[in-house]
Protein backbone atom coordinates (compact mmCIF):
# COMPACT_ATOMS: atom_id res chain seq x y z
CA UNK A 1 209.47 222.50 36.00
CA UNK A 2 206.21 223.82 34.74
CA UNK A 3 203.75 220.94 34.20
CA UNK A 4 202.58 222.65 30.88
CA UNK A 5 204.13 223.66 28.23
CA UNK A 6 203.34 227.13 26.80
CA UNK A 7 200.62 227.01 24.16
CA UNK A 8 202.15 226.32 20.54
CA UNK A 9 201.41 229.51 18.21
CA UNK A 10 198.10 228.73 16.46
CA UNK A 11 198.58 228.99 12.48
CA UNK A 12 195.62 230.84 10.91
CA UNK A 13 193.28 228.86 8.67
CA UNK A 14 193.52 229.11 5.29
CA UNK A 15 190.96 230.93 3.32
CA UNK A 16 189.58 228.77 0.53
CA UNK A 17 191.61 230.96 -1.95
CA UNK A 18 194.76 230.48 -0.01
CA UNK A 19 194.40 226.88 0.13
CA UNK A 20 193.50 226.73 -3.86
CA UNK A 21 196.48 228.98 -4.48
CA UNK A 22 198.72 226.51 -2.51
CA UNK A 23 197.30 223.28 -4.26
CA UNK A 24 198.27 224.89 -7.64
CA UNK A 25 201.90 225.46 -6.53
CA UNK A 26 202.54 222.13 -5.00
CA UNK A 27 200.86 220.96 -8.27
CA UNK A 28 203.45 222.76 -10.60
CA UNK A 29 206.06 222.24 -8.31
CA UNK A 30 205.42 218.49 -8.74
CA UNK A 31 205.49 218.96 -12.28
CA UNK A 32 208.50 221.15 -12.51
CA UNK A 33 210.23 218.33 -10.28
CA UNK A 34 209.39 215.15 -12.50
CA UNK A 35 210.52 217.13 -15.79
CA UNK A 36 213.74 217.86 -13.96
CA UNK A 37 214.18 214.22 -13.46
CA UNK A 38 212.89 213.21 -16.71
CA UNK A 39 214.91 215.80 -19.02
CA UNK A 40 216.64 217.87 -16.35
CA UNK A 41 216.55 221.39 -16.14
CA UNK A 42 218.39 222.65 -19.03
CA UNK A 43 215.77 220.66 -21.01
CA UNK A 44 212.97 221.37 -19.61
CA UNK A 45 211.36 225.02 -20.10
CA UNK A 46 208.57 227.06 -18.09
CA UNK A 47 206.18 226.25 -20.98
CA UNK A 48 206.86 222.07 -20.27
CA UNK A 49 206.08 222.81 -16.63
CA UNK A 50 202.48 224.40 -17.23
CA UNK A 51 201.41 222.36 -19.82
CA UNK A 52 202.49 219.33 -17.58
CA UNK A 53 200.59 220.52 -14.54
CA UNK A 54 197.67 221.69 -16.66
CA UNK A 55 197.99 225.61 -16.15
CA UNK A 56 198.13 228.11 -17.91
CA UNK A 57 201.65 229.91 -18.40
CA UNK A 58 200.65 233.27 -17.10
CA UNK A 59 199.42 231.07 -14.21
CA UNK A 60 202.99 229.71 -14.05
CA UNK A 61 204.51 233.48 -14.01
CA UNK A 62 201.90 234.68 -10.97
CA UNK A 63 203.55 232.11 -8.72
CA UNK A 64 207.04 231.42 -9.95
CA UNK A 65 210.20 233.91 -11.44
CA UNK A 66 211.37 230.91 -13.21
CA UNK A 67 211.60 227.00 -13.64
CA UNK A 68 213.95 226.43 -11.06
CA UNK A 69 211.60 228.57 -8.49
CA UNK A 70 208.88 226.06 -9.24
CA UNK A 71 210.40 223.41 -7.25
CA UNK A 72 210.23 225.55 -3.81
CA UNK A 73 207.28 224.23 -2.43
CA UNK A 74 208.10 220.54 -2.88
CA UNK A 75 211.60 221.21 -1.48
CA UNK A 76 210.01 223.17 1.55
CA UNK A 77 207.27 220.79 2.21
CA UNK A 78 209.46 218.59 4.40
CA UNK A 79 210.57 221.53 6.77
CA UNK A 80 206.94 222.02 7.32
CA UNK A 81 206.38 218.60 8.11
CA UNK A 82 209.27 218.46 10.83
CA UNK A 83 208.48 222.21 12.29
CA UNK A 84 204.89 220.83 13.14
CA UNK A 85 206.27 217.56 14.58
CA UNK A 86 208.89 219.66 17.19
CA UNK A 87 206.12 222.21 18.05
CA UNK A 88 204.64 218.92 18.85
CA UNK A 89 207.01 217.57 21.34
CA UNK A 90 205.64 216.40 24.57
CA UNK A 91 206.57 218.76 27.43
CA UNK A 92 209.78 218.68 29.45
CA UNK A 93 211.23 216.89 26.70
CA UNK A 94 215.13 218.06 26.47
CA UNK A 95 215.79 219.86 23.26
CA UNK A 96 218.35 217.95 21.67
CA UNK A 97 215.99 215.21 21.78
CA UNK A 98 213.07 216.65 20.97
CA UNK A 99 215.07 217.81 17.80
CA UNK A 100 216.50 214.01 17.13
CA UNK A 101 213.05 212.66 17.52
CA UNK A 102 211.41 215.22 15.10
CA UNK A 103 214.24 214.82 12.71
CA UNK A 104 213.56 210.59 12.24
CA UNK A 105 210.15 211.07 12.30
CA UNK A 106 210.08 213.77 9.49
CA UNK A 107 213.14 211.95 7.42
CA UNK A 108 211.63 208.30 7.87
CA UNK A 109 210.12 206.66 4.78
CA UNK A 110 207.61 204.63 6.17
CA UNK A 111 205.99 203.63 3.15
CA UNK A 112 206.34 203.37 -0.88
CA UNK A 113 205.03 207.07 -0.98
CA UNK A 114 207.47 208.84 1.41
CA UNK A 115 210.43 206.58 -0.45
CA UNK A 116 209.55 208.33 -3.88
CA UNK A 117 209.41 211.53 -2.13
CA UNK A 118 213.13 211.34 -1.20
CA UNK A 119 213.83 209.87 -4.60
CA UNK A 120 212.32 213.03 -6.25
CA UNK A 121 214.07 214.97 -3.39
CA UNK A 122 217.65 212.99 -4.64
CA UNK A 123 216.59 213.92 -8.59
CA UNK A 124 216.52 217.79 -7.50
CA UNK A 125 219.76 218.01 -5.61
CA UNK A 126 222.01 215.90 -7.77
CA UNK A 127 220.77 218.46 -10.40
CA UNK A 128 221.13 221.45 -8.12
CA UNK A 129 224.83 220.76 -8.90
CA UNK A 130 225.12 221.71 -12.03
CA UNK A 131 222.40 224.50 -12.19
CA UNK A 132 223.22 227.74 -9.83
CA UNK A 133 219.65 228.32 -9.93
CA UNK A 134 218.09 225.54 -8.76
CA UNK A 135 221.04 225.58 -6.12
CA UNK A 136 219.78 229.28 -5.14
CA UNK A 137 216.34 227.87 -4.54
CA UNK A 138 217.51 224.93 -2.41
CA UNK A 139 219.21 227.51 -0.24
CA UNK A 140 216.79 230.17 0.09
CA UNK A 141 214.23 226.97 1.30
CA UNK A 142 216.78 226.29 3.59
CA UNK A 143 217.29 229.80 5.29
CA UNK A 144 213.57 230.42 5.18
CA UNK A 145 213.24 226.98 7.51
CA UNK A 146 215.76 228.32 9.90
CA UNK A 147 213.85 231.29 10.13
CA UNK A 148 210.71 229.75 10.90
CA UNK A 149 212.19 227.16 13.23
CA UNK A 150 213.70 230.03 15.50
CA UNK A 151 210.57 230.88 17.39
CA UNK A 152 209.56 227.14 17.79
CA UNK A 153 213.15 226.07 19.25
CA UNK A 154 213.06 229.30 21.74
CA UNK A 155 209.23 228.34 22.82
CA UNK A 156 210.42 224.66 23.72
CA UNK A 157 213.93 225.99 25.40
CA UNK A 158 211.55 228.25 27.48
CA UNK A 159 212.05 232.16 28.78
CA UNK A 160 215.04 231.63 30.71
CA UNK A 161 216.96 229.99 27.50
CA UNK A 162 219.66 232.73 25.73
CA UNK A 163 218.03 233.91 22.34
CA UNK A 164 221.54 233.59 20.84
CA UNK A 165 221.74 229.87 21.99
CA UNK A 166 218.15 229.52 20.77
CA UNK A 167 219.02 230.98 17.48
CA UNK A 168 222.11 228.80 17.24
CA UNK A 169 220.11 225.19 17.55
CA UNK A 170 217.81 226.04 15.20
CA UNK A 171 220.49 227.03 12.16
CA UNK A 172 222.39 223.55 13.90
CA UNK A 173 219.19 221.52 12.88
CA UNK A 174 218.44 223.37 10.16
CA UNK A 175 222.21 222.50 8.79
CA UNK A 176 221.98 219.27 10.17
CA UNK A 177 219.00 218.08 7.79
CA UNK A 178 220.83 219.91 4.71
CA UNK A 179 223.99 218.38 5.00
CA UNK A 180 222.94 215.24 5.45
CA UNK A 181 220.32 215.17 2.79
CA UNK A 182 222.87 216.46 0.36
CA UNK A 183 225.32 213.52 1.47
CA UNK A 184 222.61 211.16 1.10
CA UNK A 185 221.88 212.60 -2.56
CA UNK A 186 225.18 211.87 -3.65
CA UNK A 187 224.97 208.26 -3.24
CA UNK A 188 222.77 205.25 -3.75
CA UNK A 189 222.08 204.44 -0.25
CA UNK A 190 217.99 203.76 0.14
CA UNK A 191 215.64 206.19 2.39
CA UNK A 192 215.80 204.07 5.21
CA UNK A 193 218.60 202.46 7.20
CA UNK A 194 222.41 202.99 7.41
CA UNK A 195 223.53 205.74 5.38
CA UNK A 196 219.54 207.16 4.91
CA UNK A 197 218.55 210.82 4.99
CA UNK A 198 217.25 210.26 8.96
CA UNK A 199 220.63 208.54 9.99
CA UNK A 200 222.57 211.00 8.56
CA UNK A 201 220.54 213.62 9.92
CA UNK A 202 221.15 212.84 13.63
CA UNK A 203 224.81 212.36 13.16
CA UNK A 204 225.08 215.63 11.98
CA UNK A 205 222.93 217.49 14.55
CA UNK A 206 224.95 215.27 17.56
CA UNK A 207 228.10 216.67 15.86
CA UNK A 208 226.80 220.12 15.56
CA UNK A 209 225.76 220.48 19.05
CA UNK A 210 228.31 219.19 20.69
CA UNK A 211 229.87 221.90 21.80
CA UNK A 212 226.66 223.75 22.86
CA UNK A 213 225.55 224.41 26.15
CA UNK A 214 222.09 223.06 27.10
CA UNK A 215 219.32 225.22 26.36
CA UNK A 216 217.06 225.30 29.60
CA UNK A 217 213.82 223.70 29.56
CA UNK A 218 210.82 225.90 30.32
CA UNK A 219 210.53 226.36 33.58
CA UNK A 220 213.80 225.76 34.87
CA UNK A 221 215.84 228.17 36.74
């Protein structure tokens, strides 16, 4: 096994304009989430969201097609964080262990701010049960996350790994998190401890990957 990991693909630095755009989108997403939690999707309009976010309605529609689409950046933020944690895995770590560690860390709620974020997600997932458009956004976010995860998994597994198995591992990890969050949202369990998103996601991952042949670590024959 090689003592050095392959370098992680570098993320191009965002320009000031791109950073401002991302910040505006996230502000709108937070406003939409707050209003959906307070009044539900049916009781919220795009105008309400724009007003809460402090932007013009035309700005809202520059970034989002409809009110449900506006929460996409908020739902995607967790996936961005957990992929970054996985990409930073120590060299030589077995892939299942790396996936579990990244999942546990990304789905932990170490402080009140993180716990509030999970409560927002719970409210959105509960609202999505009766809102097909909001549910479609949730599924799209998960599909995009899975696609972005494939090269991260493939790099950690190494060049000897079967590309199909790397893709299956990415799908299993994404599904584990999605199912865990959906299951947790149906309960009143806290964001930490038994029944938490992290605990459920690890259980799901072990079940889904149990029948998979271990992917080769980088450098193994």
